[in-house]
Amino acid sequence: ARLHVSRALFVKAFGSLAAAVFLVELGRLRFKKLNILVCKILGLFMRQHESEQFSGMVYYLAGVTATVLLFHPTIAVIGILALAIGDPAASFVGVLTRKTLRPEGLAARVVTKRLLHGKSLAGTLGFLACTALLSYLVLAAAGAVLTGPLVASLIVAPAIMGAVVELVVPSPNLVLPFKKFPLGLDDNFMLPVLSALGAHIAWKALGAPLLPVLRPFVYWG
């Protein structure tokens, strides 16, 4: 969507959607019957703890909107993909290693080692590898001149920044101690913004070399 419309239109559309979802969430947390109805309709897409606090969709939409608003279009795409693909990849790799490696083996003890908030080393490495690969593919598809420093900085920086978010932000998230307004520190918001910020800082540190805008790769009609 970001590649096919202007920044202003994207921010207006996604910002409005985020605001609408936020109002629904606020309403269901204040009115029990509405909460029961929403949870029945969207229960398959909600985690258990989200029945009593804002769902991840609010943070997801807000994070994507903020990322597009604040950063260069190509860098914004990197941040969004870190959330949309890198984050699930971390969970997938973490679960896969626990299921496939022999628990008594040295490899299993190392890669399934719990770091902060129960996050595994395998999941963190999976996020790093996936996000770095996504960053490279985005830069290549945009037609950026892939010099050594540019590749190293714009690939490594968002991957490392995102991995730090993955480790530091707990899941379920930390929630403000206000029962009627339980906003929290959620990786659905932090991950795209800070991953893109890492790439932005690295890009500026190199003197902001020419960074082409990723062109649309889906055409209609």
N, C-alpha and C. Protein backbone atom coordinates (compact mmCIF):
# COMPACT_ATOMS: atom_id res chain seq x y z
N ALA A 1 0.83 -1.21 0.00
CA ALA A 1 0.00 0.00 0.00
C ALA A 1 0.86 1.26 0.00
N ARG A 2 1.95 1.23 0.77
CA ARG A 2 2.81 2.42 0.85
C ARG A 2 3.44 2.75 -0.49
N LEU A 3 3.69 1.74 -1.31
CA LEU A 3 4.37 1.96 -2.58
C LEU A 3 3.43 2.52 -3.64
N HIS A 4 2.13 2.38 -3.43
CA HIS A 4 1.17 2.77 -4.45
C HIS A 4 0.50 4.11 -4.19
N VAL A 5 0.64 4.65 -2.99
CA VAL A 5 -0.01 5.92 -2.66
C VAL A 5 1.01 6.86 -2.03
N SER A 6 0.65 8.12 -1.95
CA SER A 6 1.53 9.11 -1.35
C SER A 6 1.61 8.89 0.16
N ARG A 7 2.67 9.46 0.75
CA ARG A 7 2.82 9.36 2.21
C ARG A 7 1.61 9.97 2.92
N ALA A 8 1.18 11.13 2.44
CA ALA A 8 0.06 11.83 3.09
C ALA A 8 -1.20 10.98 3.08
N LEU A 9 -1.52 10.38 1.93
CA LEU A 9 -2.72 9.56 1.82
C LEU A 9 -2.61 8.32 2.70
N PHE A 10 -1.44 7.69 2.70
CA PHE A 10 -1.24 6.50 3.51
C PHE A 10 -1.45 6.81 4.99
N VAL A 11 -0.81 7.90 5.44
CA VAL A 11 -0.90 8.26 6.86
C VAL A 11 -2.34 8.60 7.25
N LYS A 12 -3.05 9.31 6.36
CA LYS A 12 -4.45 9.64 6.65
C LYS A 12 -5.30 8.37 6.74
N ALA A 13 -5.11 7.47 5.79
CA ALA A 13 -5.92 6.25 5.75
C ALA A 13 -5.62 5.35 6.94
N PHE A 14 -4.34 5.05 7.18
CA PHE A 14 -3.98 4.15 8.26
C PHE A 14 -4.17 4.82 9.62
N GLY A 15 -3.93 6.13 9.68
CA GLY A 15 -4.16 6.85 10.93
C GLY A 15 -5.63 6.84 11.30
N SER A 16 -6.50 7.02 10.32
CA SER A 16 -7.96 6.97 10.57
C SER A 16 -8.38 5.57 11.01
N LEU A 17 -7.82 4.55 10.35
CA LEU A 17 -8.14 3.17 10.72
C LEU A 17 -7.67 2.88 12.14
N ALA A 18 -6.46 3.33 12.48
CA ALA A 18 -5.94 3.13 13.83
C ALA A 18 -6.82 3.82 14.86
N ALA A 19 -7.27 5.05 14.54
CA ALA A 19 -8.13 5.79 15.46
C ALA A 19 -9.46 5.07 15.65
N ALA A 20 -10.03 4.54 14.55
CA ALA A 20 -11.30 3.83 14.63
C ALA A 20 -11.17 2.57 15.49
N VAL A 21 -10.10 1.81 15.25
CA VAL A 21 -9.87 0.59 16.04
C VAL A 21 -9.65 0.94 17.51
N PHE A 22 -8.92 2.03 17.75
CA PHE A 22 -8.67 2.47 19.12
C PHE A 22 -9.98 2.79 19.85
N LEU A 23 -10.90 3.48 19.17
CA LEU A 23 -12.18 3.83 19.78
C LEU A 23 -13.02 2.58 20.09
N VAL A 24 -12.99 1.61 19.17
CA VAL A 24 -13.70 0.35 19.42
C VAL A 24 -13.09 -0.36 20.62
N GLU A 25 -11.76 -0.39 20.67
CA GLU A 25 -11.07 -1.04 21.79
C GLU A 25 -11.40 -0.34 23.11
N LEU A 26 -11.38 0.97 23.09
CA LEU A 26 -11.69 1.73 24.30
C LEU A 26 -13.12 1.45 24.75
N GLY A 27 -14.04 1.36 23.77
CA GLY A 27 -15.43 1.08 24.10
C GLY A 27 -15.64 -0.29 24.69
N ARG A 28 -14.99 -1.30 24.10
CA ARG A 28 -15.20 -2.66 24.60
C ARG A 28 -14.59 -2.86 25.99
N LEU A 29 -13.53 -2.09 26.31
CA LEU A 29 -12.93 -2.21 27.64
C LEU A 29 -13.76 -1.49 28.70
N ARG A 30 -14.62 -0.58 28.26
CA ARG A 30 -15.47 0.15 29.20
C ARG A 30 -16.85 -0.50 29.35
N PHE A 31 -17.27 -1.23 28.32
CA PHE A 31 -18.59 -1.84 28.35
C PHE A 31 -18.46 -3.35 28.18
N LYS A 32 -18.82 -4.08 29.21
CA LYS A 32 -18.60 -5.53 29.24
C LYS A 32 -19.32 -6.25 28.11
N LYS A 33 -20.57 -5.86 27.82
CA LYS A 33 -21.32 -6.55 26.77
C LYS A 33 -20.67 -6.37 25.40
N LEU A 34 -20.17 -5.16 25.15
CA LEU A 34 -19.48 -4.92 23.89
C LEU A 34 -18.20 -5.73 23.82
N ASN A 35 -17.51 -5.85 24.94
CA ASN A 35 -16.27 -6.64 24.99
C ASN A 35 -16.56 -8.10 24.67
N ILE A 36 -17.63 -8.63 25.24
CA ILE A 36 -18.00 -10.03 24.98
C ILE A 36 -18.32 -10.23 23.49
N LEU A 37 -19.03 -9.27 22.91
CA LEU A 37 -19.40 -9.36 21.49
C LEU A 37 -18.16 -9.32 20.60
N VAL A 38 -17.27 -8.37 20.86
CA VAL A 38 -16.06 -8.25 20.05
C VAL A 38 -15.19 -9.49 20.18
N CYS A 39 -15.06 -9.99 21.40
CA CYS A 39 -14.23 -11.18 21.62
C CYS A 39 -14.82 -12.42 20.94
N LYS A 40 -16.16 -12.49 20.85
CA LYS A 40 -16.79 -13.60 20.13
C LYS A 40 -16.50 -13.53 18.64
N ILE A 41 -16.56 -12.31 18.10
CA ILE A 41 -16.36 -12.13 16.66
C ILE A 41 -14.88 -12.29 16.28
N LEU A 42 -13.99 -11.72 17.09
CA LEU A 42 -12.56 -11.68 16.75
C LEU A 42 -11.71 -12.59 17.63
N GLY A 43 -12.37 -13.47 18.36
CA GLY A 43 -11.65 -14.31 19.31
C GLY A 43 -10.51 -15.11 18.71
N LEU A 44 -10.69 -15.59 17.48
CA LEU A 44 -9.64 -16.39 16.84
C LEU A 44 -8.37 -15.58 16.58
N PHE A 45 -8.50 -14.26 16.50
CA PHE A 45 -7.36 -13.40 16.17
C PHE A 45 -6.79 -12.70 17.40
N MET A 46 -7.32 -13.01 18.57
CA MET A 46 -6.89 -12.33 19.79
C MET A 46 -6.20 -13.30 20.73
N ARG A 47 -5.20 -12.79 21.45
CA ARG A 47 -4.58 -13.57 22.51
C ARG A 47 -5.45 -13.48 23.76
N GLN A 48 -5.25 -14.43 24.66
CA GLN A 48 -6.12 -14.51 25.83
C GLN A 48 -6.06 -13.24 26.68
N HIS A 49 -4.84 -12.70 26.87
CA HIS A 49 -4.70 -11.52 27.74
C HIS A 49 -5.30 -10.26 27.12
N GLU A 50 -5.55 -10.28 25.80
CA GLU A 50 -6.06 -9.08 25.12
C GLU A 50 -7.54 -8.83 25.39
N SER A 51 -8.21 -9.77 26.04
CA SER A 51 -9.61 -9.54 26.37
C SER A 51 -9.78 -8.45 27.42
N GLU A 52 -8.70 -8.19 28.18
CA GLU A 52 -8.77 -7.19 29.24
C GLU A 52 -7.86 -6.00 29.00
N GLN A 53 -7.25 -5.91 27.82
CA GLN A 53 -6.42 -4.77 27.49
C GLN A 53 -6.45 -4.54 25.99
N PHE A 54 -5.86 -3.46 25.53
CA PHE A 54 -5.87 -3.15 24.11
C PHE A 54 -5.22 -4.28 23.33
N SER A 55 -5.83 -4.65 22.21
CA SER A 55 -5.27 -5.72 21.38
C SER A 55 -4.07 -5.22 20.59
N GLY A 56 -3.30 -6.16 20.06
CA GLY A 56 -2.12 -5.80 19.30
C GLY A 56 -2.42 -5.02 18.03
N MET A 57 -3.66 -5.09 17.52
CA MET A 57 -4.00 -4.40 16.28
C MET A 57 -3.86 -2.88 16.41
N VAL A 58 -4.19 -2.34 17.58
CA VAL A 58 -4.05 -0.90 17.80
C VAL A 58 -2.59 -0.49 17.63
N TYR A 59 -1.70 -1.23 18.28
CA TYR A 59 -0.27 -0.91 18.23
C TYR A 59 0.30 -1.16 16.83
N TYR A 60 -0.21 -2.21 16.20
CA TYR A 60 0.26 -2.57 14.85
C TYR A 60 -0.02 -1.44 13.87
N LEU A 61 -1.27 -0.97 13.85
CA LEU A 61 -1.65 0.11 12.92
C LEU A 61 -0.92 1.40 13.27
N ALA A 62 -0.81 1.70 14.57
CA ALA A 62 -0.12 2.92 14.99
C ALA A 62 1.36 2.85 14.63
N GLY A 63 1.97 1.67 14.80
CA GLY A 63 3.39 1.51 14.49
C GLY A 63 3.68 1.67 13.01
N VAL A 64 2.84 1.08 12.17
CA VAL A 64 3.00 1.20 10.72
C VAL A 64 2.81 2.66 10.28
N THR A 65 1.79 3.31 10.83
CA THR A 65 1.52 4.71 10.47
C THR A 65 2.69 5.61 10.86
N ALA A 66 3.19 5.44 12.08
CA ALA A 66 4.30 6.27 12.56
C ALA A 66 5.56 6.03 11.73
N THR A 67 5.80 4.78 11.35
CA THR A 67 6.99 4.44 10.56
C THR A 67 6.96 5.12 9.20
N VAL A 68 5.80 5.08 8.54
CA VAL A 68 5.66 5.73 7.23
C VAL A 68 5.77 7.25 7.36
N LEU A 69 5.21 7.79 8.43
CA LEU A 69 5.23 9.24 8.63
C LEU A 69 6.63 9.78 8.88
N LEU A 70 7.45 9.01 9.59
CA LEU A 70 8.72 9.54 10.08
C LEU A 70 9.91 9.28 9.17
N PHE A 71 9.85 8.26 8.31
CA PHE A 71 11.08 7.82 7.65
C PHE A 71 10.98 7.81 6.13
N HIS A 72 12.15 7.79 5.50
CA HIS A 72 12.29 7.63 4.05
C HIS A 72 11.47 6.40 3.63
N PRO A 73 10.77 6.47 2.49
CA PRO A 73 9.90 5.35 2.09
C PRO A 73 10.56 3.98 2.07
N THR A 74 11.78 3.90 1.56
CA THR A 74 12.46 2.60 1.49
C THR A 74 12.82 2.11 2.89
N ILE A 75 13.25 3.01 3.75
CA ILE A 75 13.56 2.65 5.14
C ILE A 75 12.28 2.25 5.87
N ALA A 76 11.18 2.94 5.59
CA ALA A 76 9.90 2.59 6.21
C ALA A 76 9.47 1.17 5.85
N VAL A 77 9.69 0.78 4.59
CA VAL A 77 9.35 -0.58 4.16
C VAL A 77 10.16 -1.60 4.95
N ILE A 78 11.44 -1.31 5.18
CA ILE A 78 12.28 -2.21 5.97
C ILE A 78 11.70 -2.37 7.38
N GLY A 79 11.30 -1.26 8.00
CA GLY A 79 10.74 -1.33 9.34
C GLY A 79 9.44 -2.12 9.39
N ILE A 80 8.58 -1.91 8.39
CA ILE A 80 7.30 -2.62 8.35
C ILE A 80 7.52 -4.12 8.14
N LEU A 81 8.46 -4.49 7.29
CA LEU A 81 8.74 -5.91 7.04
C LEU A 81 9.36 -6.58 8.27
N ALA A 82 10.13 -5.80 9.05
CA ALA A 82 10.68 -6.35 10.30
C ALA A 82 9.55 -6.79 11.22
N LEU A 83 8.46 -6.02 11.22
CA LEU A 83 7.29 -6.36 12.03
C LEU A 83 6.48 -7.49 11.39
N ALA A 84 6.19 -7.36 10.10
CA ALA A 84 5.27 -8.28 9.42
C ALA A 84 5.86 -9.66 9.19
N ILE A 85 7.18 -9.73 8.98
CA ILE A 85 7.81 -11.02 8.66
C ILE A 85 8.88 -11.41 9.68
N GLY A 86 9.72 -10.45 10.08
CA GLY A 86 10.80 -10.75 11.02
C GLY A 86 10.29 -11.23 12.37
N ASP A 87 9.25 -10.58 12.89
CA ASP A 87 8.71 -10.94 14.20
C ASP A 87 8.11 -12.35 14.20
N PRO A 88 7.25 -12.70 13.22
CA PRO A 88 6.77 -14.09 13.18
C PRO A 88 7.90 -15.10 12.95
N ALA A 89 8.93 -14.70 12.20
CA ALA A 89 10.06 -15.61 11.96
C ALA A 89 10.76 -15.95 13.26
N ALA A 90 10.87 -14.97 14.16
CA ALA A 90 11.50 -15.22 15.46
C ALA A 90 10.74 -16.28 16.23
N SER A 91 9.41 -16.15 16.25
CA SER A 91 8.58 -17.14 16.95
C SER A 91 8.68 -18.52 16.30
N PHE A 92 8.66 -18.53 14.95
CA PHE A 92 8.72 -19.79 14.22
C PHE A 92 10.03 -20.53 14.49
N VAL A 93 11.15 -19.81 14.41
CA VAL A 93 12.45 -20.44 14.64
C VAL A 93 12.57 -20.92 16.08
N GLY A 94 12.09 -20.11 17.03
CA GLY A 94 12.15 -20.51 18.42
C GLY A 94 11.38 -21.78 18.70
N VAL A 95 10.18 -21.87 18.18
CA VAL A 95 9.34 -23.06 18.38
C VAL A 95 9.95 -24.26 17.66
N LEU A 96 10.42 -24.05 16.42
CA LEU A 96 10.97 -25.14 15.61
C LEU A 96 12.19 -25.78 16.28
N THR A 97 13.08 -24.95 16.82
CA THR A 97 14.28 -25.51 17.45
C THR A 97 13.93 -26.30 18.71
N ARG A 98 12.95 -25.83 19.46
CA ARG A 98 12.55 -26.57 20.67
C ARG A 98 11.94 -27.92 20.32
N LYS A 99 11.26 -28.00 19.17
CA LYS A 99 10.59 -29.25 18.78
C LYS A 99 11.51 -30.24 18.09
N THR A 100 12.54 -29.74 17.41
CA THR A 100 13.36 -30.63 16.57
C THR A 100 14.68 -31.05 17.21
N LEU A 101 15.26 -30.20 18.07
CA LEU A 101 16.54 -30.54 18.67
C LEU A 101 16.35 -31.43 19.88
N ARG A 102 17.27 -32.37 20.07
CA ARG A 102 17.22 -33.25 21.24
C ARG A 102 17.51 -32.42 22.48
N PRO A 103 16.62 -32.43 23.46
CA PRO A 103 16.76 -31.54 24.61
C PRO A 103 18.04 -31.75 25.41
N GLU A 104 18.60 -32.99 25.35
CA GLU A 104 19.80 -33.25 26.14
C GLU A 104 21.08 -32.85 25.40
N GLY A 105 20.97 -32.49 24.12
CA GLY A 105 22.15 -32.14 23.34
C GLY A 105 22.67 -30.74 23.65
N LEU A 106 23.97 -30.54 23.35
CA LEU A 106 24.60 -29.24 23.59
C LEU A 106 23.96 -28.15 22.74
N ALA A 107 23.67 -28.47 21.46
CA ALA A 107 23.07 -27.47 20.56
C ALA A 107 21.74 -26.98 21.11
N ALA A 108 20.92 -27.91 21.59
CA ALA A 108 19.61 -27.53 22.12
C ALA A 108 19.77 -26.64 23.34
N ARG A 109 20.72 -26.97 24.20
CA ARG A 109 20.91 -26.18 25.42
C ARG A 109 21.37 -24.75 25.09
N VAL A 110 22.13 -24.62 24.00
CA VAL A 110 22.64 -23.29 23.63
C VAL A 110 21.57 -22.47 22.94
N VAL A 111 20.99 -23.00 21.85
CA VAL A 111 20.09 -22.18 21.03
C VAL A 111 18.72 -21.97 21.68
N THR A 112 18.33 -22.88 22.59
CA THR A 112 17.04 -22.68 23.28
C THR A 112 17.22 -21.98 24.61
N LYS A 113 18.42 -21.53 24.89
CA LYS A 113 18.69 -20.81 26.14
C LYS A 113 17.79 -19.57 26.22
N ARG A 114 17.15 -19.40 27.36
CA ARG A 114 16.24 -18.27 27.55
C ARG A 114 17.03 -17.02 27.88
N LEU A 115 16.72 -15.96 27.18
CA LEU A 115 17.36 -14.68 27.43
C LEU A 115 16.37 -13.82 28.22
N LEU A 116 16.16 -12.58 27.84
CA LEU A 116 15.21 -11.72 28.55
C LEU A 116 13.77 -12.12 28.26
N HIS A 117 12.91 -12.07 29.27
CA HIS A 117 11.47 -12.29 29.13
C HIS A 117 11.13 -13.60 28.42
N GLY A 118 11.96 -14.60 28.62
CA GLY A 118 11.68 -15.91 28.06
C GLY A 118 11.98 -16.05 26.58
N LYS A 119 12.56 -15.03 25.96
CA LYS A 119 12.90 -15.11 24.54
C LYS A 119 14.15 -15.99 24.36
N SER A 120 14.15 -16.82 23.32
CA SER A 120 15.26 -17.75 23.13
C SER A 120 16.33 -17.16 22.22
N LEU A 121 17.54 -17.69 22.36
CA LEU A 121 18.65 -17.27 21.49
C LEU A 121 18.34 -17.62 20.04
N ALA A 122 17.71 -18.78 19.80
CA ALA A 122 17.38 -19.20 18.44
C ALA A 122 16.41 -18.23 17.79
N GLY A 123 15.37 -17.82 18.52
CA GLY A 123 14.40 -16.88 17.98
C GLY A 123 15.03 -15.54 17.67
N THR A 124 15.92 -15.08 18.55
CA THR A 124 16.60 -13.80 18.32
C THR A 124 17.48 -13.87 17.07
N LEU A 125 18.23 -14.96 16.93
CA LEU A 125 19.07 -15.13 15.74
C LEU A 125 18.21 -15.26 14.48
N GLY A 126 17.06 -15.93 14.60
CA GLY A 126 16.15 -16.04 13.47
C GLY A 126 15.65 -14.68 13.03
N PHE A 127 15.32 -13.81 13.99
CA PHE A 127 14.89 -12.45 13.66
C PHE A 127 16.02 -11.69 12.98
N LEU A 128 17.22 -11.77 13.52
CA LEU A 128 18.37 -11.07 12.94
C LEU A 128 18.59 -11.47 11.49
N ALA A 129 18.63 -12.79 11.24
CA ALA A 129 18.89 -13.29 9.89
C ALA A 129 17.79 -12.89 8.92
N CYS A 130 16.53 -13.04 9.34
CA CYS A 130 15.40 -12.75 8.48
C CYS A 130 15.34 -11.26 8.14
N THR A 131 15.49 -10.40 9.14
CA THR A 131 15.41 -8.96 8.92
C THR A 131 16.58 -8.46 8.08
N ALA A 132 17.77 -9.01 8.30
CA ALA A 132 18.92 -8.62 7.49
C ALA A 132 18.68 -8.99 6.02
N LEU A 133 18.15 -10.19 5.79
CA LEU A 133 17.87 -10.63 4.42
C LEU A 133 16.80 -9.74 3.79
N LEU A 134 15.75 -9.44 4.53
CA LEU A 134 14.69 -8.57 4.02
C LEU A 134 15.24 -7.19 3.66
N SER A 135 16.09 -6.65 4.51
CA SER A 135 16.68 -5.34 4.26
C SER A 135 17.50 -5.35 2.96
N TYR A 136 18.28 -6.40 2.78
CA TYR A 136 19.08 -6.51 1.56
C TYR A 136 18.18 -6.58 0.32
N LEU A 137 17.13 -7.38 0.40
CA LEU A 137 16.23 -7.54 -0.75
C LEU A 137 15.51 -6.22 -1.07
N VAL A 138 15.13 -5.47 -0.04
CA VAL A 138 14.47 -4.19 -0.26
C VAL A 138 15.43 -3.21 -0.94
N LEU A 139 16.67 -3.15 -0.45
CA LEU A 139 17.66 -2.24 -1.04
C LEU A 139 17.97 -2.62 -2.48
N ALA A 140 18.10 -3.92 -2.72
CA ALA A 140 18.39 -4.39 -4.09
C ALA A 140 17.22 -4.09 -5.01
N ALA A 141 15.99 -4.34 -4.54
CA ALA A 141 14.82 -4.08 -5.36
C ALA A 141 14.63 -2.59 -5.64
N ALA A 142 15.06 -1.74 -4.71
CA ALA A 142 14.96 -0.29 -4.90
C ALA A 142 16.00 0.22 -5.89
N GLY A 143 17.02 -0.59 -6.16
CA GLY A 143 18.07 -0.16 -7.07
C GLY A 143 19.15 0.66 -6.40
N ALA A 144 19.29 0.50 -5.08
CA ALA A 144 20.34 1.23 -4.36
C ALA A 144 21.71 0.73 -4.79
N VAL A 145 22.68 1.63 -4.82
CA VAL A 145 24.07 1.25 -5.11
C VAL A 145 24.61 0.55 -3.87
N LEU A 146 24.76 -0.75 -3.94
CA LEU A 146 25.07 -1.54 -2.76
C LEU A 146 26.57 -1.55 -2.46
N THR A 147 27.07 -0.39 -2.01
CA THR A 147 28.46 -0.30 -1.56
C THR A 147 28.59 -1.00 -0.22
N GLY A 148 29.82 -1.35 0.12
CA GLY A 148 30.05 -2.07 1.37
C GLY A 148 29.47 -1.39 2.60
N PRO A 149 29.81 -0.10 2.84
CA PRO A 149 29.28 0.56 4.04
C PRO A 149 27.76 0.66 4.05
N LEU A 150 27.16 0.95 2.88
CA LEU A 150 25.71 1.09 2.81
C LEU A 150 25.03 -0.24 3.13
N VAL A 151 25.52 -1.30 2.52
CA VAL A 151 24.94 -2.63 2.76
C VAL A 151 25.10 -3.01 4.24
N ALA A 152 26.32 -2.83 4.75
CA ALA A 152 26.58 -3.24 6.13
C ALA A 152 25.70 -2.47 7.12
N SER A 153 25.56 -1.16 6.91
CA SER A 153 24.82 -0.34 7.87
C SER A 153 23.32 -0.53 7.75
N LEU A 154 22.78 -0.49 6.54
CA LEU A 154 21.33 -0.56 6.37
C LEU A 154 20.79 -1.98 6.50
N ILE A 155 21.67 -2.96 6.51
CA ILE A 155 21.22 -4.33 6.76
C ILE A 155 21.37 -4.70 8.23
N VAL A 156 22.52 -4.37 8.79
CA VAL A 156 22.81 -4.76 10.17
C VAL A 156 22.05 -3.90 11.18
N ALA A 157 22.01 -2.58 10.94
CA ALA A 157 21.41 -1.67 11.93
C ALA A 157 19.95 -1.98 12.24
N PRO A 158 19.06 -2.11 11.24
CA PRO A 158 17.67 -2.42 11.59
C PRO A 158 17.51 -3.79 12.22
N ALA A 159 18.33 -4.75 11.80
CA ALA A 159 18.24 -6.10 12.37
C ALA A 159 18.62 -6.09 13.84
N ILE A 160 19.71 -5.38 14.17
CA ILE A 160 20.16 -5.33 15.57
C ILE A 160 19.17 -4.54 16.42
N MET A 161 18.73 -3.40 15.92
CA MET A 161 17.78 -2.58 16.69
C MET A 161 16.49 -3.36 16.94
N GLY A 162 16.00 -4.05 15.91
CA GLY A 162 14.79 -4.85 16.08
C GLY A 162 14.98 -6.00 17.04
N ALA A 163 16.17 -6.64 16.99
CA ALA A 163 16.45 -7.75 17.89
C ALA A 163 16.46 -7.29 19.35
N VAL A 164 16.98 -6.08 19.58
CA VAL A 164 16.97 -5.52 20.93
C VAL A 164 15.53 -5.33 21.41
N VAL A 165 14.67 -4.81 20.51
CA VAL A 165 13.25 -4.64 20.86
C VAL A 165 12.63 -6.00 21.18
N GLU A 166 12.92 -7.00 20.35
CA GLU A 166 12.38 -8.34 20.57
C GLU A 166 12.74 -8.86 21.96
N LEU A 167 13.96 -8.56 22.40
CA LEU A 167 14.42 -9.07 23.70
C LEU A 167 13.88 -8.24 24.87
N VAL A 168 13.87 -6.93 24.71
CA VAL A 168 13.56 -6.04 25.83
C VAL A 168 12.06 -5.95 26.11
N VAL A 169 11.25 -5.92 25.03
CA VAL A 169 9.80 -5.75 25.22
C VAL A 169 9.17 -7.11 25.53
N PRO A 170 8.55 -7.24 26.69
CA PRO A 170 7.96 -8.54 27.06
C PRO A 170 6.68 -8.83 26.30
N SER A 171 6.31 -10.09 26.26
CA SER A 171 5.05 -10.51 25.66
C SER A 171 4.39 -11.52 26.60
N PRO A 172 3.20 -11.26 27.17
CA PRO A 172 2.36 -10.08 27.00
C PRO A 172 3.07 -8.80 27.42
N ASN A 173 2.60 -7.69 26.90
CA ASN A 173 3.30 -6.44 27.11
C ASN A 173 3.08 -5.88 28.51
N LEU A 174 3.95 -4.91 28.85
CA LEU A 174 3.78 -4.18 30.10
C LEU A 174 2.61 -3.21 29.93
N VAL A 175 1.73 -3.15 30.89
CA VAL A 175 0.52 -2.33 30.76
C VAL A 175 0.52 -1.25 31.82
N LEU A 176 0.11 -0.04 31.41
CA LEU A 176 -0.04 1.04 32.38
C LEU A 176 -1.08 0.65 33.44
N PRO A 177 -0.84 1.04 34.68
CA PRO A 177 -1.74 0.59 35.77
C PRO A 177 -3.05 1.37 35.85
N PHE A 178 -3.73 1.50 34.71
CA PHE A 178 -5.02 2.19 34.68
C PHE A 178 -6.04 1.23 34.07
N LYS A 179 -6.97 0.75 34.88
CA LYS A 179 -7.87 -0.30 34.43
C LYS A 179 -8.72 0.12 33.24
N LYS A 180 -9.13 1.39 33.19
CA LYS A 180 -10.00 1.87 32.12
C LYS A 180 -9.20 2.30 30.88
N PHE A 181 -7.87 2.35 31.00
CA PHE A 181 -7.06 2.80 29.86
C PHE A 181 -5.74 2.03 29.86
N PRO A 182 -5.81 0.71 29.63
CA PRO A 182 -4.63 -0.15 29.79
C PRO A 182 -3.69 -0.17 28.58
N LEU A 183 -3.18 0.99 28.21
CA LEU A 183 -2.17 1.02 27.15
C LEU A 183 -0.90 0.35 27.64
N GLY A 184 -0.11 -0.19 26.72
CA GLY A 184 1.09 -0.90 27.13
C GLY A 184 2.27 -0.63 26.23
N LEU A 185 3.40 -1.18 26.61
CA LEU A 185 4.62 -1.13 25.82
C LEU A 185 4.61 -2.37 24.93
N ASP A 186 4.30 -2.19 23.65
CA ASP A 186 4.02 -3.33 22.78
C ASP A 186 4.99 -3.35 21.60
N ASP A 187 5.50 -4.55 21.28
CA ASP A 187 6.48 -4.64 20.19
C ASP A 187 5.85 -4.39 18.82
N ASN A 188 4.52 -4.49 18.70
CA ASN A 188 3.88 -4.17 17.43
C ASN A 188 4.06 -2.70 17.06
N PHE A 189 4.25 -1.85 18.05
CA PHE A 189 4.55 -0.44 17.79
C PHE A 189 6.05 -0.18 17.79
N MET A 190 6.73 -0.72 18.79
CA MET A 190 8.16 -0.43 18.96
C MET A 190 9.01 -1.00 17.83
N LEU A 191 8.66 -2.20 17.36
CA LEU A 191 9.51 -2.91 16.41
C LEU A 191 9.67 -2.19 15.07
N PRO A 192 8.58 -1.80 14.37
CA PRO A 192 8.79 -1.13 13.08
C PRO A 192 9.44 0.24 13.23
N VAL A 193 9.06 0.98 14.27
CA VAL A 193 9.60 2.33 14.46
C VAL A 193 11.09 2.28 14.77
N LEU A 194 11.50 1.43 15.69
CA LEU A 194 12.90 1.39 16.09
C LEU A 194 13.78 0.68 15.07
N SER A 195 13.25 -0.32 14.37
CA SER A 195 14.03 -0.94 13.28
C SER A 195 14.31 0.08 12.19
N ALA A 196 13.28 0.84 11.81
CA ALA A 196 13.47 1.89 10.81
C ALA A 196 14.39 2.98 11.34
N LEU A 197 14.29 3.30 12.62
CA LEU A 197 15.17 4.31 13.22
C LEU A 197 16.62 3.86 13.14
N GLY A 198 16.88 2.57 13.39
CA GLY A 198 18.24 2.06 13.27
C GLY A 198 18.79 2.24 11.87
N ALA A 199 17.96 1.91 10.86
CA ALA A 199 18.39 2.10 9.47
C ALA A 199 18.57 3.58 9.15
N HIS A 200 17.70 4.42 9.68
CA HIS A 200 17.78 5.87 9.42
C HIS A 200 19.06 6.46 10.00
N ILE A 201 19.39 6.09 11.23
CA ILE A 201 20.61 6.60 11.86
C ILE A 201 21.85 6.16 11.08
N ALA A 202 21.86 4.89 10.67
CA ALA A 202 23.00 4.38 9.89
C ALA A 202 23.12 5.12 8.56
N TRP A 203 21.98 5.36 7.91
CA TRP A 203 21.97 6.07 6.62
C TRP A 203 22.48 7.50 6.79
N LYS A 204 22.03 8.20 7.82
CA LYS A 204 22.48 9.56 8.07
C LYS A 204 23.97 9.59 8.44
N ALA A 205 24.43 8.58 9.17
CA ALA A 205 25.83 8.52 9.56
C ALA A 205 26.76 8.40 8.35
N LEU A 206 26.24 7.84 7.26
CA LEU A 206 27.01 7.71 6.02
C LEU A 206 26.93 8.98 5.17
N GLY A 207 26.25 10.01 5.67
CA GLY A 207 26.10 11.24 4.90
C GLY A 207 24.86 11.24 4.04
N ALA A 208 23.88 10.37 4.33
CA ALA A 208 22.62 10.28 3.58
C ALA A 208 22.86 10.14 2.08
N PRO A 209 23.56 9.06 1.65
CA PRO A 209 23.76 8.85 0.21
C PRO A 209 22.43 8.61 -0.49
N LEU A 210 22.44 8.71 -1.82
CA LEU A 210 21.22 8.53 -2.59
C LEU A 210 20.59 7.17 -2.28
N LEU A 211 19.34 7.19 -1.88
CA LEU A 211 18.61 5.97 -1.55
C LEU A 211 17.32 5.97 -2.35
N PRO A 212 17.26 5.21 -3.45
CA PRO A 212 16.05 5.23 -4.29
C PRO A 212 14.82 4.76 -3.54
N VAL A 213 13.67 5.25 -3.99
CA VAL A 213 12.40 4.81 -3.43
C VAL A 213 12.01 3.50 -4.10
N LEU A 214 11.64 2.52 -3.29
CA LEU A 214 11.22 1.22 -3.82
C LEU A 214 9.98 1.41 -4.69
N ARG A 215 10.04 0.94 -5.91
CA ARG A 215 8.92 1.11 -6.84
C ARG A 215 7.84 0.05 -6.60
N PRO A 216 6.60 0.36 -6.99
CA PRO A 216 5.53 -0.65 -6.85
C PRO A 216 5.86 -1.91 -7.63
N PHE A 217 5.57 -3.06 -7.04
CA PHE A 217 5.82 -4.31 -7.76
C PHE A 217 4.53 -5.06 -8.02
N VAL A 218 3.38 -4.43 -7.71
CA VAL A 218 2.08 -5.00 -8.06
C VAL A 218 1.34 -3.93 -8.84
N TYR A 219 0.89 -4.29 -10.02
CA TYR A 219 0.20 -3.32 -10.88
C TYR A 219 -1.22 -3.80 -11.14
N TRP A 220 -2.15 -2.88 -11.15
CA TRP A 220 -3.56 -3.19 -11.35
C TRP A 220 -4.00 -2.70 -12.72
N GLY A 221 -4.70 -3.56 -13.44
CA GLY A 221 -5.22 -3.16 -14.76
C GLY A 221 -4.11 -3.03 -15.75
